[in-house]
Amino acid sequence: MSSKFNFKFNKQLLNKGFYTANYFIKTSKLIRKYKSNEIVCMQFTHFSKEPVMVCGIEESVELIKSCLTKQELKDIEIYGQQDGDIVSPKNPILLIFGKYHVFGKFENVIDGILARRSSVANNCRKVLSLIDANKLIYMADRTDDYLVQPYDGYAAYVGGIRRFVTDASVSLLRDKSDVSVGGTIPHALIQEFDGNLNEALKAYSNEYGRKGLVALIDYHNDIRRDIKSISKDFNDCFAIRIDTSKNVCDKSLKPIKANYGVSDSLIKFARHTLDQYGMKQTKIVVSSGIDYDRVKHIVDKKLPVDFYGIGSNLITRNVHVTADLVLKNGHHEAKFGRKLFININKKNSLKKYI
């Protein structure tokens, strides 16, 4: 996978320590002055309760390659897992051997990279263990800082995602032939056409064509009305998307707790109504707070859902990575409870990066 991504780093700011915790900068200076010849091993591990898909390894290695001089690179060795590997707790994700003052200033930066990327990749991987990749639309663009889109997209790709909604999410990919960037019409377009869904769809299809057209049908909180309406002009609509808030119940259903949001009843009713109005070929996309448990429920109940639009639940931080110095000059020396979680003579079972 090393040739798939084109990472970009601000070498000047990274080397300056702009992103480094102040105490790591001070520590690196002290070690350079008093302990400059010591060879240590820094181990990055996760302590989740279950195996996780790891990601950010290639990015971390490329960061180090970008920031260190040729001589500094000669003085270190890096071994690790590969992006997309499933790694059990207390197994090394990444091992760096060398003089701490050469690479120590990147400790917290790499911790953050591995934690964030692994969280995203693992979240995507879990959902895709339930459904095919072509059924999941990565819609996390509006749930976090826009600047993280390229790198979250990289992690999502490693996790198996192939359908995105922003160009930024696929911007690090060298080859984009196996991904797509698309989406549905937003509520804003319907609002601008005074709530007239058909007119909004006409404007959209006039500019971008009818192929792959997806109609958003929760604007009026009355999906029977909207399906009936679009069946007149857009009987060949590729899909509808149900994005009903968990706080409301669609007018088509009884206002009971079980019917709020994108409920089982609403999904079934949407399929029935589509069929009723001659739109049997039209697919159903569900969104609005969809997570792993909801997808599993839908799959287990065999509800008529064709695609899932998921956002914040795919980028929730839930993998925590810790860096520890575990060896000094080839011998154990570490914080209580930490050790090299691999036989030093078997480190070659990991991929050697540098």
Protein backbone atom coordinates (compact mmCIF):
# COMPACT_ATOMS: atom_id res chain seq x y z
CA MET A 1 0.00 0.00 0.00
CA SER A 2 3.07 2.25 0.18
CA SER A 3 2.50 3.67 -3.32
CA LYS A 4 -1.19 4.55 -2.88
CA PHE A 5 -0.88 7.79 -0.89
CA ASN A 6 0.82 11.12 -1.40
CA PHE A 7 1.34 12.52 2.10
CA LYS A 8 2.22 16.17 2.62
CA PHE A 9 4.05 17.57 5.63
CA ASN A 10 5.13 20.99 6.83
CA LYS A 11 8.72 19.94 7.46
CA GLN A 12 9.77 23.34 8.80
CA LEU A 13 7.08 23.50 11.49
CA LEU A 14 7.46 19.84 12.45
CA ASN A 15 11.21 20.15 12.91
CA LYS A 16 10.76 23.40 14.80
CA GLY A 17 8.58 21.55 17.29
CA PHE A 18 5.46 23.58 16.53
CA TYR A 19 3.26 20.50 17.02
CA THR A 20 5.39 18.93 19.76
CA ALA A 21 4.50 19.05 23.45
CA ASN A 22 6.92 21.45 25.12
CA TYR A 23 8.27 18.86 27.56
CA PHE A 24 9.34 16.60 24.70
CA ILE A 25 11.32 19.47 23.20
CA LYS A 26 13.05 20.12 26.52
CA THR A 27 13.65 16.40 27.04
CA SER A 28 15.25 16.06 23.60
CA LYS A 29 17.62 18.94 24.38
CA LEU A 30 18.59 17.45 27.74
CA ILE A 31 19.20 14.00 26.26
CA ARG A 32 21.26 15.46 23.44
CA LYS A 33 23.42 17.22 26.05
CA TYR A 34 23.76 14.52 28.73
CA LYS A 35 22.87 11.14 27.15
CA SER A 36 23.53 11.58 23.45
CA ASN A 37 25.02 8.12 22.85
CA GLU A 38 22.25 6.01 24.37
CA ILE A 39 20.34 3.76 21.96
CA VAL A 40 16.70 3.31 22.91
CA CYS A 41 13.63 1.61 21.54
CA MET A 42 10.35 3.50 21.40
CA GLN A 43 7.31 1.23 21.18
CA PHE A 44 3.85 2.36 20.07
CA THR A 45 1.02 0.13 21.29
CA HIS A 46 -2.72 0.22 21.86
CA PHE A 47 -4.52 -1.00 24.94
CA SER A 48 -8.02 -1.59 23.58
CA LYS A 49 -9.99 -4.53 24.88
CA GLU A 50 -10.05 -6.20 21.48
CA PRO A 51 -7.93 -6.39 18.31
CA VAL A 52 -8.19 -3.30 16.11
CA MET A 53 -7.32 -2.38 12.56
CA VAL A 54 -4.29 -0.10 12.72
CA CYS A 55 -3.62 2.81 10.40
CA GLY A 56 -1.32 5.80 10.23
CA ILE A 57 1.85 3.71 10.13
CA GLU A 58 2.77 4.61 6.58
CA GLU A 59 2.01 8.26 7.31
CA SER A 60 4.18 8.23 10.45
CA VAL A 61 7.11 6.64 8.63
CA GLU A 62 6.83 9.10 5.75
CA LEU A 63 6.74 11.98 8.26
CA ILE A 64 10.00 10.81 9.77
CA LYS A 65 11.58 10.30 6.36
CA SER A 66 10.50 13.79 5.36
CA CYS A 67 11.83 15.53 8.47
CA LEU A 68 15.10 13.79 9.27
CA THR A 69 18.38 14.26 7.42
CA LYS A 70 19.97 11.41 5.48
CA GLN A 71 22.51 10.93 8.27
CA GLU A 72 19.83 10.89 10.95
CA LEU A 73 17.89 8.29 8.99
CA LYS A 74 20.99 6.10 8.86
CA ASP A 75 21.12 6.18 12.65
CA ILE A 76 17.62 4.80 13.25
CA GLU A 77 15.68 1.65 12.46
CA ILE A 78 11.90 1.41 12.20
CA TYR A 79 9.83 -1.77 12.28
CA GLY A 80 6.08 -2.02 12.36
CA GLN A 81 2.77 -3.40 11.28
CA GLN A 82 1.22 -2.35 7.98
CA ASP A 83 -1.80 -0.13 7.50
CA GLY A 84 -4.88 -2.33 7.59
CA ASP A 85 -3.40 -5.04 9.80
CA ILE A 86 -5.52 -6.31 12.69
CA VAL A 87 -3.40 -5.98 15.84
CA SER A 88 -4.17 -7.38 19.29
CA PRO A 89 -3.71 -5.28 22.44
CA LYS A 90 -0.16 -4.97 23.76
CA ASN A 91 1.37 -5.88 20.42
CA PRO A 92 3.76 -3.39 18.84
CA ILE A 93 2.27 -1.17 16.17
CA LEU A 94 5.55 0.64 15.53
CA LEU A 95 9.09 0.31 16.90
CA ILE A 96 11.76 2.98 16.51
CA PHE A 97 15.36 2.19 17.45
CA GLY A 98 17.98 4.92 17.76
CA LYS A 99 18.98 8.00 19.72
CA TYR A 100 16.01 9.64 21.37
CA HIS A 101 17.06 13.19 20.58
CA VAL A 102 16.94 12.34 16.87
CA PHE A 103 13.25 11.34 16.79
CA GLY A 104 11.80 12.05 20.26
CA LYS A 105 10.17 15.31 19.26
CA PHE A 106 7.75 13.34 17.08
CA GLU A 107 6.49 11.12 19.93
CA ASN A 108 3.18 12.88 20.58
CA VAL A 109 2.67 13.62 16.87
CA ILE A 110 2.93 9.94 15.97
CA ASP A 111 0.77 8.97 18.95
CA GLY A 112 -1.96 11.23 17.61
CA ILE A 113 -1.61 10.04 14.03
CA LEU A 114 -1.85 6.37 14.96
CA ALA A 115 -4.75 6.91 17.37
CA ARG A 116 -6.87 9.01 15.00
CA ARG A 117 -6.21 7.00 11.85
CA SER A 118 -6.67 3.65 13.61
CA SER A 119 -9.95 4.83 15.13
CA VAL A 120 -11.33 5.86 11.74
CA ALA A 121 -10.07 2.77 9.92
CA ASN A 122 -11.33 0.44 12.63
CA ASN A 123 -14.77 2.09 12.75
CA CYS A 124 -15.12 1.71 8.98
CA ARG A 125 -13.85 -1.85 9.06
CA LYS A 126 -16.43 -2.84 11.70
CA VAL A 127 -19.37 -1.47 9.72
CA LEU A 128 -18.08 -3.08 6.53
CA SER A 129 -17.96 -6.43 8.29
CA LEU A 130 -21.77 -6.22 8.06
CA ILE A 131 -22.31 -4.78 4.57
CA ASP A 132 -20.54 -4.48 1.22
CA ALA A 133 -18.30 -1.47 0.68
CA ASN A 134 -20.48 -0.13 -2.13
CA LYS A 135 -23.37 0.22 0.34
CA LEU A 136 -21.60 2.64 2.69
CA ILE A 137 -21.28 6.36 1.97
CA TYR A 138 -18.64 8.17 4.06
CA MET A 139 -20.37 11.38 5.20
CA ALA A 140 -18.09 12.62 8.00
CA ASP A 141 -17.29 15.91 6.27
CA ARG A 142 -19.61 18.00 8.43
CA THR A 143 -18.79 16.43 11.79
CA ASP A 144 -15.24 17.67 12.34
CA ASP A 145 -12.69 20.28 11.28
CA TYR A 146 -12.48 20.37 7.48
CA LEU A 147 -8.67 20.25 7.64
CA VAL A 148 -8.74 16.61 8.75
CA GLN A 149 -10.68 15.42 5.71
CA PRO A 150 -7.68 14.28 3.64
CA TYR A 151 -6.18 12.22 6.46
CA ASP A 152 -9.46 10.82 7.74
CA GLY A 153 -10.18 9.92 4.12
CA TYR A 154 -6.87 8.05 3.95
CA ALA A 155 -7.81 6.09 7.08
CA ALA A 156 -11.33 5.45 5.81
CA TYR A 157 -9.88 4.11 2.55
CA VAL A 158 -7.63 1.74 4.50
CA GLY A 159 -10.74 0.69 6.43
CA GLY A 160 -12.44 -0.24 3.16
CA ILE A 161 -14.49 2.87 2.25
CA ARG A 162 -14.80 3.61 -1.47
CA ARG A 163 -17.72 6.08 -1.60
CA PHE A 164 -16.99 9.63 -0.42
CA VAL A 165 -18.69 13.02 -0.64
CA THR A 166 -15.72 15.47 -0.79
CA ASP A 167 -12.70 15.69 -3.06
CA ALA A 168 -10.55 16.39 0.01
CA SER A 169 -11.32 12.93 1.38
CA VAL A 170 -9.61 11.26 -1.59
CA SER A 171 -6.95 13.91 -2.18
CA LEU A 172 -4.08 11.81 -0.78
CA LEU A 173 -4.83 8.90 -3.10
CA ARG A 174 -2.50 8.70 -6.08
CA ASP A 175 -4.92 6.46 -7.98
CA LYS A 176 -8.59 7.36 -7.60
CA SER A 177 -9.93 4.80 -10.05
CA ASP A 178 -11.58 2.67 -7.35
CA VAL A 179 -13.29 5.50 -5.45
CA SER A 180 -16.22 7.79 -6.18
CA VAL A 181 -17.19 11.23 -4.92
CA GLY A 182 -20.91 12.00 -4.96
CA GLY A 183 -23.95 12.38 -2.78
CA THR A 184 -27.57 13.47 -2.72
CA ILE A 185 -29.30 16.80 -3.01
CA PRO A 186 -29.25 18.71 0.32
CA HIS A 187 -32.14 20.29 2.22
CA ALA A 188 -30.79 23.68 1.15
CA LEU A 189 -31.68 23.04 -2.49
CA ILE A 190 -35.25 22.11 -1.60
CA GLN A 191 -35.54 25.21 0.59
CA GLU A 192 -34.38 27.47 -2.23
CA PHE A 193 -37.18 26.07 -4.40
CA ASP A 194 -39.72 26.95 -1.67
CA GLY A 195 -40.03 23.35 -0.51
CA ASN A 196 -40.88 22.06 -3.99
CA LEU A 197 -38.91 18.83 -4.18
CA ASN A 198 -39.77 18.15 -7.83
CA GLU A 199 -38.54 21.56 -8.95
CA ALA A 200 -35.34 21.09 -6.99
CA LEU A 201 -34.79 17.70 -8.64
CA LYS A 202 -35.49 19.16 -12.07
CA ALA A 203 -32.87 21.87 -11.57
CA TYR A 204 -30.35 19.31 -10.34
CA SER A 205 -30.99 16.83 -13.15
CA ASN A 206 -30.87 19.59 -15.79
CA GLU A 207 -27.34 20.43 -14.70
CA TYR A 208 -25.97 17.05 -13.65
CA GLY A 209 -28.21 14.47 -15.33
CA ARG A 210 -30.64 11.93 -13.95
CA LYS A 211 -28.15 9.10 -13.62
CA GLY A 212 -27.61 8.24 -9.98
CA LEU A 213 -30.15 10.84 -8.85
CA VAL A 214 -30.97 10.57 -5.15
CA ALA A 215 -33.98 12.43 -3.76
CA LEU A 216 -33.95 13.61 -0.14
CA ILE A 217 -37.50 12.96 1.12
CA ASP A 218 -37.70 14.11 4.76
CA TYR A 219 -37.93 17.88 4.14
CA HIS A 220 -41.68 17.99 4.84
CA ASN A 221 -41.56 15.13 7.34
CA ASP A 222 -44.11 13.39 5.14
CA ILE A 223 -42.50 10.72 2.98
CA ARG A 224 -45.78 9.52 1.49
CA ARG A 225 -46.34 13.02 0.09
CA ASP A 226 -42.81 13.30 -1.27
CA ILE A 227 -42.69 9.85 -2.84
CA LYS A 228 -46.08 10.41 -4.46
CA SER A 229 -44.82 13.76 -5.78
CA ILE A 230 -41.55 12.52 -7.28
CA SER A 231 -43.23 9.48 -8.81
CA LYS A 232 -44.90 11.82 -11.31
CA ASP A 233 -41.70 13.31 -12.77
CA PHE A 234 -38.92 11.09 -11.44
CA ASN A 235 -40.31 7.59 -11.55
CA ASP A 236 -36.83 6.42 -12.59
CA CYS A 237 -35.12 8.06 -9.60
CA PHE A 238 -32.12 5.95 -8.58
CA ALA A 239 -32.70 6.28 -4.84
CA ILE A 240 -34.37 8.18 -2.06
CA ARG A 241 -32.60 9.19 1.16
CA ILE A 242 -34.36 9.19 4.51
CA ASP A 243 -32.69 11.58 6.95
CA THR A 244 -35.47 11.98 9.52
CA SER A 245 -34.30 13.38 12.85
CA LYS A 246 -34.56 11.18 15.94
CA ASN A 247 -36.59 13.96 17.53
CA VAL A 248 -39.55 13.74 15.13
CA CYS A 249 -41.98 11.18 13.81
CA ASP A 250 -42.91 11.20 10.14
CA LYS A 251 -46.52 12.25 9.50
CA SER A 252 -47.13 8.95 7.75
CA LEU A 253 -46.75 7.01 11.01
CA LYS A 254 -48.36 6.96 14.42
CA PRO A 255 -46.47 9.33 16.81
CA ILE A 256 -45.17 6.64 19.15
CA LYS A 257 -41.61 6.28 20.42
CA ALA A 258 -40.77 3.33 18.18
CA ASN A 259 -41.59 5.37 15.08
CA TYR A 260 -39.34 8.36 15.72
CA GLY A 261 -36.39 8.99 13.44
CA VAL A 262 -35.35 6.57 10.70
CA SER A 263 -37.27 3.77 12.37
CA ASP A 264 -37.93 0.24 11.21
CA SER A 265 -41.51 1.21 10.46
CA LEU A 266 -40.48 4.23 8.41
CA ILE A 267 -38.06 2.16 6.31
CA LYS A 268 -40.71 -0.47 5.63
CA PHE A 269 -43.29 2.21 4.87
CA ALA A 270 -40.91 3.92 2.42
CA ARG A 271 -40.36 0.65 0.54
CA HIS A 272 -44.08 -0.08 0.46
CA THR A 273 -44.88 3.44 -0.77
CA LEU A 274 -42.20 3.34 -3.49
CA ASP A 275 -43.62 0.04 -4.74
CA GLN A 276 -47.14 1.41 -4.53
CA TYR A 277 -46.27 4.31 -6.83
CA GLY A 278 -44.43 2.23 -9.40
CA MET A 279 -40.89 2.91 -8.14
CA LYS A 280 -39.91 -0.68 -7.39
CA GLN A 281 -36.42 -0.17 -8.81
CA THR A 282 -35.69 2.87 -6.62
CA LYS A 283 -33.20 2.21 -3.82
CA ILE A 284 -33.32 3.41 -0.21
CA VAL A 285 -30.52 5.31 1.52
CA VAL A 286 -30.72 5.88 5.28
CA SER A 287 -28.77 8.46 7.29
CA SER A 288 -29.14 10.57 10.47
CA GLY A 289 -27.17 9.11 13.38
CA ILE A 290 -26.60 5.69 11.82
CA ASP A 291 -23.95 3.67 13.64
CA TYR A 292 -22.62 0.10 13.78
CA ASP A 293 -25.39 -1.14 16.07
CA ARG A 294 -28.09 0.37 13.86
CA VAL A 295 -26.59 -1.16 10.72
CA LYS A 296 -26.39 -4.56 12.44
CA HIS A 297 -30.02 -4.26 13.50
CA ILE A 298 -31.13 -3.38 9.97
CA VAL A 299 -29.15 -6.26 8.49
CA ASP A 300 -30.35 -8.75 11.10
CA LYS A 301 -33.98 -7.69 10.59
CA LYS A 302 -33.51 -7.76 6.81
CA LEU A 303 -35.01 -4.31 6.44
CA PRO A 304 -35.13 -2.98 2.85
CA VAL A 305 -32.11 -0.65 3.03
CA ASP A 306 -29.71 -0.45 0.09
CA PHE A 307 -27.21 2.20 1.21
CA TYR A 308 -26.08 3.77 4.48
CA GLY A 309 -24.82 7.32 4.91
CA ILE A 310 -22.71 7.52 8.06
CA GLY A 311 -20.81 10.50 9.45
CA SER A 312 -19.68 11.15 13.02
CA ASN A 313 -19.82 7.52 14.10
CA LEU A 314 -17.06 6.65 11.63
CA ILE A 315 -14.60 9.16 13.11
CA THR A 316 -15.29 8.67 16.81
CA ARG A 317 -11.97 8.42 18.66
CA ASN A 318 -11.89 5.03 20.37
CA VAL A 319 -8.39 3.66 19.79
CA HIS A 320 -5.78 5.08 22.14
CA VAL A 321 -2.10 4.65 21.31
CA THR A 322 0.76 5.02 23.78
CA ALA A 323 4.47 5.48 23.10
CA ASP A 324 6.97 4.16 25.64
CA LEU A 325 10.72 3.80 25.77
CA VAL A 326 11.17 0.11 26.59
CA LEU A 327 14.83 -0.65 25.86
CA LYS A 328 18.07 1.17 26.57
CA ASN A 329 21.24 -0.09 24.91
CA GLY A 330 19.55 -3.42 24.28
CA HIS A 331 18.35 -3.98 27.84
CA HIS A 332 14.95 -3.58 29.47
CA GLU A 333 14.39 -0.15 30.95
CA ALA A 334 10.82 1.12 31.08
CA LYS A 335 8.00 2.54 33.14
CA PHE A 336 6.40 0.01 35.49
CA GLY A 337 3.96 -2.18 33.58
CA ARG A 338 5.57 -1.52 30.21
CA LYS A 339 7.96 -3.73 28.29
CA LEU A 340 8.86 -4.66 24.74
CA PHE A 341 5.86 -6.72 23.72
CA ILE A 342 7.80 -8.80 21.23
CA ASN A 343 10.92 -10.93 21.40
CA ILE A 344 13.71 -8.63 20.27
CA ASN A 345 15.10 -11.44 18.12
CA LYS A 346 11.77 -11.65 16.30
CA LYS A 347 11.39 -8.00 15.41
CA ASN A 348 12.01 -8.96 11.79
CA SER A 349 8.57 -10.56 11.81
CA LEU A 350 7.42 -6.96 11.45
CA LYS A 351 7.94 -4.95 8.31
CA LYS A 352 11.21 -3.03 8.27
CA TYR A 353 10.58 0.53 7.04
CA ILE A 354 13.97 2.12 7.68
